[in-house]
Amino acid sequence: MTTHGHYAPPARRVDRAVGVTGSGGDVTFTWSPPFDAPPVIEATVQAGAGFRSLRIAANTGGSTTVHVDVSAGVTLLGIGVLAVGAAASGVTVHCTATAP
């Protein structure tokens, strides 16, 4: 027996959130309801003074923690280098979580 028609699988769940880092440079996003497995994360920071880098510090189905460091540019003997990074507080982080 053949069947006719078109089946479209349901779209993957996508959640978006915006948060601000605390004094330790971390911001935690809570996913409600939790994902069945750790989601695929895309995170970005808003522009600001200094060089900013981020990393995903923790990721579970229920929450994701992003850590942000900031370092200022330093000129040494006429060559621009980056100073050692420190935890960046008050940085706005945009996060997108997609079900795996």
PDB file of N, CA and C in Angstrom:
ATOM      1  N   MET A   1       0.848  -1.166   0.000  1.00  0.00           N
ATOM      2  CA  MET A   1       0.000   0.000   0.000  1.00  0.00           C
ATOM      3  C   MET A   1       0.901   1.238   0.000  1.00  0.00           C
ATOM      4  N   THR A   2       0.656   2.140  -0.878  1.00  0.00           N
ATOM      5  CA  THR A   2       1.427   3.375  -0.932  1.00  0.00           C
ATOM      6  C   THR A   2       0.629   4.500  -0.297  1.00  0.00           C
ATOM      7  N   THR A   3       1.359   5.474   0.122  1.00  0.00           N
ATOM      8  CA  THR A   3       0.716   6.670   0.683  1.00  0.00           C
ATOM      9  C   THR A   3       1.144   7.874  -0.128  1.00  0.00           C
ATOM     10  N   HIS A   4       0.317   8.845  -0.141  1.00  0.00           N
ATOM     11  CA  HIS A   4       0.618  10.074  -0.864  1.00  0.00           C
ATOM     12  C   HIS A   4       0.539  11.233   0.117  1.00  0.00           C
ATOM     13  N   GLY A   5       1.277  12.248  -0.164  1.00  0.00           N
ATOM     14  CA  GLY A   5       1.238  13.426   0.685  1.00  0.00           C
ATOM     15  C   GLY A   5       2.644  13.868   1.044  1.00  0.00           C
ATOM     16  N   HIS A   6       2.700  14.846   1.856  1.00  0.00           N
ATOM     17  CA  HIS A   6       3.978  15.431   2.238  1.00  0.00           C
ATOM     18  C   HIS A   6       4.067  15.491   3.756  1.00  0.00           C
ATOM     19  N   TYR A   7       5.188  15.052   4.282  1.00  0.00           N
ATOM     20  CA  TYR A   7       5.417  15.130   5.721  1.00  0.00           C
ATOM     21  C   TYR A   7       6.535  16.127   5.974  1.00  0.00           C
ATOM     22  N   ALA A   8       6.262  17.078   6.801  1.00  0.00           N
ATOM     23  CA  ALA A   8       7.286  18.038   7.200  1.00  0.00           C
ATOM     24  C   ALA A   8       7.561  17.822   8.685  1.00  0.00           C
ATOM     25  N   PRO A   9       8.791  17.410   9.030  1.00  0.00           N
ATOM     26  CA  PRO A   9       9.086  17.214  10.444  1.00  0.00           C
ATOM     27  C   PRO A   9       8.965  18.537  11.195  1.00  0.00           C
ATOM     28  N   PRO A  10       8.628  18.472  12.469  1.00  0.00           N
ATOM     29  CA  PRO A  10       8.496  19.715  13.228  1.00  0.00           C
ATOM     30  C   PRO A  10       9.824  20.470  13.279  1.00  0.00           C
ATOM     31  N   ALA A  11       9.739  21.769  13.307  1.00  0.00           N
ATOM     32  CA  ALA A  11      10.943  22.601  13.363  1.00  0.00           C
ATOM     33  C   ALA A  11      11.642  22.416  14.703  1.00  0.00           C
ATOM     34  N   ARG A  12      12.954  22.568  14.694  1.00  0.00           N
ATOM     35  CA  ARG A  12      13.716  22.494  15.938  1.00  0.00           C
ATOM     36  C   ARG A  12      13.371  23.692  16.812  1.00  0.00           C
ATOM     37  N   ARG A  13      13.355  23.463  18.096  1.00  0.00           N
ATOM     38  CA  ARG A  13      13.084  24.541  19.046  1.00  0.00           C
ATOM     39  C   ARG A  13      14.261  25.512  19.072  1.00  0.00           C
ATOM     40  N   VAL A  14      13.957  26.807  19.053  1.00  0.00           N
ATOM     41  CA  VAL A  14      14.964  27.858  19.135  1.00  0.00           C
ATOM     42  C   VAL A  14      14.517  28.857  20.192  1.00  0.00           C
ATOM     43  N   ASP A  15      15.374  29.104  21.185  1.00  0.00           N
ATOM     44  CA  ASP A  15      15.112  30.111  22.218  1.00  0.00           C
ATOM     45  C   ASP A  15      16.180  31.187  22.130  1.00  0.00           C
ATOM     46  N   ARG A  16      15.775  32.421  22.407  1.00  0.00           N
ATOM     47  CA  ARG A  16      16.717  33.544  22.404  1.00  0.00           C
ATOM     48  C   ARG A  16      16.594  34.285  23.723  1.00  0.00           C
ATOM     49  N   ALA A  17      17.729  34.782  24.217  1.00  0.00           N
ATOM     50  CA  ALA A  17      17.715  35.520  25.480  1.00  0.00           C
ATOM     51  C   ALA A  17      18.835  36.546  25.473  1.00  0.00           C
ATOM     52  N   VAL A  18      18.669  37.570  26.299  1.00  0.00           N
ATOM     53  CA  VAL A  18      19.678  38.612  26.472  1.00  0.00           C
ATOM     54  C   VAL A  18      19.914  38.759  27.965  1.00  0.00           C
ATOM     55  N   GLY A  19      21.179  38.863  28.357  1.00  0.00           N
ATOM     56  CA  GLY A  19      21.510  39.030  29.765  1.00  0.00           C
ATOM     57  C   GLY A  19      22.726  39.914  29.931  1.00  0.00           C
ATOM     58  N   VAL A  20      23.004  40.304  31.171  1.00  0.00           N
ATOM     59  CA  VAL A  20      24.136  41.176  31.491  1.00  0.00           C
ATOM     60  C   VAL A  20      25.040  40.447  32.479  1.00  0.00           C
ATOM     61  N   THR A  21      26.354  40.488  32.226  1.00  0.00           N
ATOM     62  CA  THR A  21      27.296  39.795  33.095  1.00  0.00           C
ATOM     63  C   THR A  21      27.359  40.447  34.469  1.00  0.00           C
ATOM     64  N   GLY A  22      27.609  39.605  35.475  1.00  0.00           N
ATOM     65  CA  GLY A  22      27.783  40.085  36.842  1.00  0.00           C
ATOM     66  C   GLY A  22      29.239  40.418  37.110  1.00  0.00           C
ATOM     67  N   SER A  23      29.573  40.615  38.377  1.00  0.00           N
ATOM     68  CA  SER A  23      30.927  41.040  38.741  1.00  0.00           C
ATOM     69  C   SER A  23      31.989  40.008  38.379  1.00  0.00           C
ATOM     70  N   GLY A  24      31.627  38.736  38.304  1.00  0.00           N
ATOM     71  CA  GLY A  24      32.584  37.693  37.938  1.00  0.00           C
ATOM     72  C   GLY A  24      32.703  37.468  36.448  1.00  0.00           C
ATOM     73  N   GLY A  25      31.957  38.233  35.646  1.00  0.00           N
ATOM     74  CA  GLY A  25      32.007  38.098  34.194  1.00  0.00           C
ATOM     75  C   GLY A  25      31.091  37.025  33.636  1.00  0.00           C
ATOM     76  N   ASP A  26      30.233  36.454  34.491  1.00  0.00           N
ATOM     77  CA  ASP A  26      29.337  35.381  34.051  1.00  0.00           C
ATOM     78  C   ASP A  26      27.902  35.863  33.916  1.00  0.00           C
ATOM     79  N   VAL A  27      27.190  35.262  32.981  1.00  0.00           N
ATOM     80  CA  VAL A  27      25.745  35.446  32.855  1.00  0.00           C
ATOM     81  C   VAL A  27      25.160  34.062  32.585  1.00  0.00           C
ATOM     82  N   THR A  28      24.073  33.738  33.291  1.00  0.00           N
ATOM     83  CA  THR A  28      23.433  32.431  33.147  1.00  0.00           C
ATOM     84  C   THR A  28      22.056  32.598  32.527  1.00  0.00           C
ATOM     85  N   PHE A  29      21.806  31.818  31.492  1.00  0.00           N
ATOM     86  CA  PHE A  29      20.511  31.800  30.823  1.00  0.00           C
ATOM     87  C   PHE A  29      19.800  30.514  31.225  1.00  0.00           C
ATOM     88  N   THR A  30      18.543  30.626  31.667  1.00  0.00           N
ATOM     89  CA  THR A  30      17.755  29.464  32.065  1.00  0.00           C
ATOM     90  C   THR A  30      16.719  29.182  30.991  1.00  0.00           C
ATOM     91  N   TRP A  31      16.669  27.927  30.543  1.00  0.00           N
ATOM     92  CA  TRP A  31      15.759  27.529  29.473  1.00  0.00           C
ATOM     93  C   TRP A  31      14.538  26.853  30.081  1.00  0.00           C
ATOM     94  N   SER A  32      13.377  27.449  29.856  1.00  0.00           N
ATOM     95  CA  SER A  32      12.136  26.913  30.411  1.00  0.00           C
ATOM     96  C   SER A  32      11.098  26.761  29.304  1.00  0.00           C
ATOM     97  N   PRO A  33      10.612  25.562  29.076  1.00  0.00           N
ATOM     98  CA  PRO A  33      11.014  24.311  29.720  1.00  0.00           C
ATOM     99  C   PRO A  33      12.410  23.896  29.257  1.00  0.00           C
ATOM    100  N   PRO A  34      13.082  23.039  30.040  1.00  0.00           N
ATOM    101  CA  PRO A  34      14.436  22.626  29.667  1.00  0.00           C
ATOM    102  C   PRO A  34      14.450  21.876  28.329  1.00  0.00           C
ATOM    103  N   PHE A  35      15.567  21.969  27.628  1.00  0.00           N
ATOM    104  CA  PHE A  35      15.771  21.169  26.419  1.00  0.00           C
ATOM    105  C   PHE A  35      15.988  19.712  26.837  1.00  0.00           C
ATOM    106  N   ASP A  36      15.714  18.767  25.936  1.00  0.00           N
ATOM    107  CA  ASP A  36      15.927  17.348  26.231  1.00  0.00           C
ATOM    108  C   ASP A  36      17.407  17.006  26.350  1.00  0.00           C
ATOM    109  N   ALA A  37      18.252  17.766  25.686  1.00  0.00           N
ATOM    110  CA  ALA A  37      19.707  17.583  25.708  1.00  0.00           C
ATOM    111  C   ALA A  37      20.328  18.978  25.661  1.00  0.00           C
ATOM    112  N   PRO A  38      21.622  19.106  25.991  1.00  0.00           N
ATOM    113  CA  PRO A  38      22.247  20.427  25.908  1.00  0.00           C
ATOM    114  C   PRO A  38      22.058  21.027  24.513  1.00  0.00           C
ATOM    115  N   PRO A  39      21.555  22.264  24.436  1.00  0.00           N
ATOM    116  CA  PRO A  39      21.318  22.881  23.132  1.00  0.00           C
ATOM    117  C   PRO A  39      22.608  23.360  22.469  1.00  0.00           C
ATOM    118  N   VAL A  40      22.514  23.614  21.180  1.00  0.00           N
ATOM    119  CA  VAL A  40      23.611  24.233  20.438  1.00  0.00           C
ATOM    120  C   VAL A  40      23.528  25.729  20.726  1.00  0.00           C
ATOM    121  N   ILE A  41      24.626  26.328  21.182  1.00  0.00           N
ATOM    122  CA  ILE A  41      24.628  27.715  21.649  1.00  0.00           C
ATOM    123  C   ILE A  41      25.377  28.619  20.683  1.00  0.00           C
ATOM    124  N   GLU A  42      24.794  29.777  20.431  1.00  0.00           N
ATOM    125  CA  GLU A  42      25.454  30.853  19.691  1.00  0.00           C
ATOM    126  C   GLU A  42      25.365  32.081  20.581  1.00  0.00           C
ATOM    127  N   ALA A  43      26.518  32.636  20.958  1.00  0.00           N
ATOM    128  CA  ALA A  43      26.528  33.783  21.868  1.00  0.00           C
ATOM    129  C   ALA A  43      27.391  34.896  21.288  1.00  0.00           C
ATOM    130  N   THR A  44      26.938  36.134  21.473  1.00  0.00           N
ATOM    131  CA  THR A  44      27.679  37.306  21.023  1.00  0.00           C
ATOM    132  C   THR A  44      27.599  38.382  22.095  1.00  0.00           C
ATOM    133  N   VAL A  45      28.555  39.312  22.068  1.00  0.00           N
ATOM    134  CA  VAL A  45      28.533  40.439  23.000  1.00  0.00           C
ATOM    135  C   VAL A  45      28.301  41.724  22.225  1.00  0.00           C
ATOM    136  N   GLN A  46      27.677  42.688  22.885  1.00  0.00           N
ATOM    137  CA  GLN A  46      27.496  44.006  22.271  1.00  0.00           C
ATOM    138  C   GLN A  46      28.816  44.751  22.290  1.00  0.00           C
ATOM    139  N   ALA A  47      28.977  45.661  21.350  1.00  0.00           N
ATOM    140  CA  ALA A  47      30.212  46.431  21.233  1.00  0.00           C
ATOM    141  C   ALA A  47      30.453  47.273  22.478  1.00  0.00           C
ATOM    142  N   GLY A  48      31.714  47.504  22.754  1.00  0.00           N
ATOM    143  CA  GLY A  48      32.096  48.342  23.888  1.00  0.00           C
ATOM    144  C   GLY A  48      33.588  48.595  23.843  1.00  0.00           C
ATOM    145  N   ALA A  49      34.079  49.332  24.818  1.00  0.00           N
ATOM    146  CA  ALA A  49      35.502  49.661  24.864  1.00  0.00           C
ATOM    147  C   ALA A  49      36.321  48.422  25.202  1.00  0.00           C
ATOM    148  N   GLY A  50      37.485  48.295  24.595  1.00  0.00           N
ATOM    149  CA  GLY A  50      38.367  47.173  24.876  1.00  0.00           C
ATOM    150  C   GLY A  50      38.018  45.944  24.055  1.00  0.00           C
ATOM    151  N   PHE A  51      38.912  44.967  24.100  1.00  0.00           N
ATOM    152  CA  PHE A  51      38.712  43.699  23.398  1.00  0.00           C
ATOM    153  C   PHE A  51      37.965  42.747  24.317  1.00  0.00           C
ATOM    154  N   ARG A  52      36.904  42.130  23.819  1.00  0.00           N
ATOM    155  CA  ARG A  52      36.107  41.211  24.630  1.00  0.00           C
ATOM    156  C   ARG A  52      36.117  39.831  24.004  1.00  0.00           C
ATOM    157  N   SER A  53      36.265  38.847  24.855  1.00  0.00           N
ATOM    158  CA  SER A  53      36.178  37.458  24.400  1.00  0.00           C
ATOM    159  C   SER A  53      35.192  36.730  25.296  1.00  0.00           C
ATOM    160  N   LEU A  54      34.538  35.729  24.729  1.00  0.00           N
ATOM    161  CA  LEU A  54      33.585  34.974  25.539  1.00  0.00           C
ATOM    162  C   LEU A  54      33.789  33.497  25.324  1.00  0.00           C
ATOM    163  N   ARG A  55      33.304  32.729  26.296  1.00  0.00           N
ATOM    164  CA  ARG A  55      33.329  31.276  26.189  1.00  0.00           C
ATOM    165  C   ARG A  55      32.110  30.721  26.897  1.00  0.00           C
ATOM    166  N   ILE A  56      31.679  29.563  26.472  1.00  0.00           N
ATOM    167  CA  ILE A  56      30.570  28.890  27.136  1.00  0.00           C
ATOM    168  C   ILE A  56      31.175  28.113  28.292  1.00  0.00           C
ATOM    169  N   ALA A  57      30.878  28.550  29.514  1.00  0.00           N
ATOM    170  CA  ALA A  57      31.462  27.945  30.706  1.00  0.00           C
ATOM    171  C   ALA A  57      30.726  26.676  31.118  1.00  0.00           C
ATOM    172  N   ALA A  58      29.417  26.619  30.880  1.00  0.00           N
ATOM    173  CA  ALA A  58      28.610  25.443  31.227  1.00  0.00           C
ATOM    174  C   ALA A  58      27.387  25.412  30.325  1.00  0.00           C
ATOM    175  N   ASN A  59      26.957  24.197  29.987  1.00  0.00           N
ATOM    176  CA  ASN A  59      25.795  24.070  29.106  1.00  0.00           C
ATOM    177  C   ASN A  59      25.061  22.771  29.418  1.00  0.00           C
ATOM    178  N   THR A  60      23.823  22.888  29.881  1.00  0.00           N
ATOM    179  CA  THR A  60      22.969  21.729  30.131  1.00  0.00           C
ATOM    180  C   THR A  60      21.633  21.990  29.449  1.00  0.00           C
ATOM    181  N   GLY A  61      20.752  21.026  29.515  1.00  0.00           N
ATOM    182  CA  GLY A  61      19.428  21.211  28.933  1.00  0.00           C
ATOM    183  C   GLY A  61      18.632  22.306  29.617  1.00  0.00           C
ATOM    184  N   GLY A  62      18.938  22.591  30.886  1.00  0.00           N
ATOM    185  CA  GLY A  62      18.178  23.582  31.643  1.00  0.00           C
ATOM    186  C   GLY A  62      18.770  24.968  31.686  1.00  0.00           C
ATOM    187  N   SER A  63      20.094  25.093  31.487  1.00  0.00           N
ATOM    188  CA  SER A  63      20.707  26.425  31.561  1.00  0.00           C
ATOM    189  C   SER A  63      22.055  26.445  30.848  1.00  0.00           C
ATOM    190  N   THR A  64      22.479  27.658  30.518  1.00  0.00           N
ATOM    191  CA  THR A  64      23.768  27.886  29.872  1.00  0.00           C
ATOM    192  C   THR A  64      24.441  29.059  30.557  1.00  0.00           C
ATOM    193  N   THR A  65      25.721  28.900  30.897  1.00  0.00           N
ATOM    194  CA  THR A  65      26.495  29.985  31.496  1.00  0.00           C
ATOM    195  C   THR A  65      27.561  30.427  30.506  1.00  0.00           C
ATOM    196  N   VAL A  66      27.610  31.735  30.256  1.00  0.00           N
ATOM    197  CA  VAL A  66      28.599  32.330  29.355  1.00  0.00           C
ATOM    198  C   VAL A  66      29.510  33.220  30.187  1.00  0.00           C
ATOM    199  N   HIS A  67      30.825  33.098  29.974  1.00  0.00           N
ATOM    200  CA  HIS A  67      31.811  33.928  30.678  1.00  0.00           C
ATOM    201  C   HIS A  67      32.438  34.906  29.683  1.00  0.00           C
ATOM    202  N   VAL A  68      32.579  36.177  30.101  1.00  0.00           N
ATOM    203  CA  VAL A  68      33.146  37.214  29.234  1.00  0.00           C
ATOM    204  C   VAL A  68      34.367  37.832  29.910  1.00  0.00           C
ATOM    205  N   ASP A  69      35.464  37.950  29.157  1.00  0.00           N
ATOM    206  CA  ASP A  69      36.670  38.644  29.608  1.00  0.00           C
ATOM    207  C   ASP A  69      36.862  39.888  28.756  1.00  0.00           C
ATOM    208  N   VAL A  70      37.527  40.888  29.330  1.00  0.00           N
ATOM    209  CA  VAL A  70      37.835  42.118  28.604  1.00  0.00           C
ATOM    210  C   VAL A  70      39.310  42.445  28.814  1.00  0.00           C
ATOM    211  N   SER A  71      39.957  42.958  27.796  1.00  0.00           N
ATOM    212  CA  SER A  71      41.329  43.436  27.937  1.00  0.00           C
ATOM    213  C   SER A  71      41.484  44.688  27.095  1.00  0.00           C
ATOM    214  N   ALA A  72      42.263  45.596  27.603  1.00  0.00           N
ATOM    215  CA  ALA A  72      42.506  46.853  26.902  1.00  0.00           C
ATOM    216  C   ALA A  72      43.757  46.705  26.042  1.00  0.00           C
ATOM    217  N   GLY A  73      43.807  47.435  24.965  1.00  0.00           N
ATOM    218  CA  GLY A  73      44.993  47.432  24.130  1.00  0.00           C
ATOM    219  C   GLY A  73      46.122  48.197  24.798  1.00  0.00           C
ATOM    220  N   VAL A  74      47.340  47.687  24.668  1.00  0.00           N
ATOM    221  CA  VAL A  74      48.518  48.313  25.260  1.00  0.00           C
ATOM    222  C   VAL A  74      49.546  48.495  24.153  1.00  0.00           C
ATOM    223  N   THR A  75      50.230  49.641  24.151  1.00  0.00           N
ATOM    224  CA  THR A  75      51.293  49.868  23.179  1.00  0.00           C
ATOM    225  C   THR A  75      52.634  49.678  23.871  1.00  0.00           C
ATOM    226  N   LEU A  76      53.449  48.768  23.340  1.00  0.00           N
ATOM    227  CA  LEU A  76      54.753  48.467  23.910  1.00  0.00           C
ATOM    228  C   LEU A  76      55.794  48.616  22.810  1.00  0.00           C
ATOM    229  N   LEU A  77      56.675  49.594  22.953  1.00  0.00           N
ATOM    230  CA  LEU A  77      57.699  49.882  21.949  1.00  0.00           C
ATOM    231  C   LEU A  77      57.088  50.132  20.575  1.00  0.00           C
ATOM    232  N   GLY A  78      55.947  50.809  20.570  1.00  0.00           N
ATOM    233  CA  GLY A  78      55.289  51.151  19.325  1.00  0.00           C
ATOM    234  C   GLY A  78      54.486  50.027  18.693  1.00  0.00           C
ATOM    235  N   ILE A  79      54.416  48.885  19.385  1.00  0.00           N
ATOM    236  CA  ILE A  79      53.656  47.741  18.872  1.00  0.00           C
ATOM    237  C   ILE A  79      52.422  47.554  19.740  1.00  0.00           C
ATOM    238  N   GLY A  80      51.258  47.468  19.100  1.00  0.00           N
ATOM    239  CA  GLY A  80      50.020  47.262  19.845  1.00  0.00           C
ATOM    240  C   GLY A  80      49.863  45.806  20.254  1.00  0.00           C
ATOM    241  N   VAL A  81      49.696  45.577  21.537  1.00  0.00           N
ATOM    242  CA  VAL A  81      49.468  44.227  22.061  1.00  0.00           C
ATOM    243  C   VAL A  81      48.251  44.266  22.973  1.00  0.00           C
ATOM    244  N   LEU A  82      47.742  43.108  23.310  1.00  0.00           N
ATOM    245  CA  LEU A  82      46.599  43.030  24.211  1.00  0.00           C
ATOM    246  C   LEU A  82      47.067  42.717  25.623  1.00  0.00           C
ATOM    247  N   ALA A  83      46.460  43.375  26.588  1.00  0.00           N
ATOM    248  CA  ALA A  83      46.763  43.113  27.983  1.00  0.00           C
ATOM    249  C   ALA A  83      46.053  41.830  28.420  1.00  0.00           C
ATOM    250  N   VAL A  84      46.417  41.338  29.584  1.00  0.00           N
ATOM    251  CA  VAL A  84      45.789  40.139  30.137  1.00  0.00           C
ATOM    252  C   VAL A  84      44.315  40.409  30.392  1.00  0.00           C
ATOM    253  N   GLY A  85      43.471  39.463  30.046  1.00  0.00           N
ATOM    254  CA  GLY A  85      42.031  39.623  30.220  1.00  0.00           C
ATOM    255  C   GLY A  85      41.607  39.516  31.672  1.00  0.00           C
ATOM    256  N   ALA A  86      40.538  40.213  31.997  1.00  0.00           N
ATOM    257  CA  ALA A  86      39.929  40.163  33.325  1.00  0.00           C
ATOM    258  C   ALA A  86      38.430  39.994  33.139  1.00  0.00           C
ATOM    259  N   ALA A  87      37.770  39.484  34.160  1.00  0.00           N
ATOM    260  CA  ALA A  87      36.320  39.292  34.091  1.00  0.00           C
ATOM    261  C   ALA A  87      35.643  40.617  33.761  1.00  0.00           C
ATOM    262  N   ALA A  88      34.719  40.581  32.820  1.00  0.00           N
ATOM    263  CA  ALA A  88      34.031  41.790  32.360  1.00  0.00           C
ATOM    264  C   ALA A  88      32.632  41.841  32.960  1.00  0.00           C
ATOM    265  N   SER A  89      32.386  42.830  33.798  1.00  0.00           N
ATOM    266  CA  SER A  89      31.044  42.987  34.369  1.00  0.00           C
ATOM    267  C   SER A  89      30.272  44.037  33.581  1.00  0.00           C
ATOM    268  N   GLY A  90      28.957  43.888  33.568  1.00  0.00           N
ATOM    269  CA  GLY A  90      28.105  44.859  32.894  1.00  0.00           C
ATOM    270  C   GLY A  90      28.069  44.740  31.383  1.00  0.00           C
ATOM    271  N   VAL A  91      28.501  43.608  30.844  1.00  0.00           N
ATOM    272  CA  VAL A  91      28.511  43.399  29.393  1.00  0.00           C
ATOM    273  C   VAL A  91      27.215  42.696  28.981  1.00  0.00           C
ATOM    274  N   THR A  92      26.571  43.199  27.938  1.00  0.00           N
ATOM    275  CA  THR A  92      25.337  42.593  27.438  1.00  0.00           C
ATOM    276  C   THR A  92      25.678  41.443  26.494  1.00  0.00           C
ATOM    277  N   VAL A  93      25.090  40.272  26.773  1.00  0.00           N
ATOM    278  CA  VAL A  93      25.330  39.063  25.986  1.00  0.00           C
ATOM    279  C   VAL A  93      24.015  38.627  25.348  1.00  0.00           C
ATOM    280  N   HIS A  94      24.053  38.347  24.051  1.00  0.00           N
ATOM    281  CA  HIS A  94      22.898  37.818  23.321  1.00  0.00           C
ATOM    282  C   HIS A  94      23.153  36.331  23.096  1.00  0.00           C
ATOM    283  N   CYS A  95      22.172  35.500  23.413  1.00  0.00           N
ATOM    284  CA  CYS A  95      22.354  34.054  23.330  1.00  0.00           C
ATOM    285  C   CYS A  95      21.195  33.411  22.570  1.00  0.00           C
ATOM    286  N   THR A  96      21.532  32.506  21.653  1.00  0.00           N
ATOM    287  CA  THR A  96      20.536  31.724  20.928  1.00  0.00           C
ATOM    288  C   THR A  96      20.807  30.251  21.202  1.00  0.00           C
ATOM    289  N   ALA A  97      19.774  29.536  21.631  1.00  0.00           N
ATOM    290  CA  ALA A  97      19.883  28.103  21.911  1.00  0.00           C
ATOM    291  C   ALA A  97      18.992  27.349  20.931  1.00  0.00           C
ATOM    292  N   THR A  98      19.569  26.358  20.263  1.00  0.00           N
ATOM    293  CA  THR A  98      18.831  25.553  19.292  1.00  0.00           C
ATOM    294  C   THR A  98      18.882  24.091  19.719  1.00  0.00           C
ATOM    295  N   ALA A  99      17.734  23.436  19.698  1.00  0.00           N
ATOM    296  CA  ALA A  99      17.685  22.016  20.057  1.00  0.00           C
ATOM    297  C   ALA A  99      18.577  21.219  19.118  1.00  0.00           C
ATOM    298  N   PRO A 100      19.332  20.261  19.672  1.00  0.00           N
ATOM    299  CA  PRO A 100      20.233  19.460  18.824  1.00  0.00           C
ATOM    300  C   PRO A 100      19.465  18.538  17.883  1.00  0.00           C
TER     301      PRO A 100
END
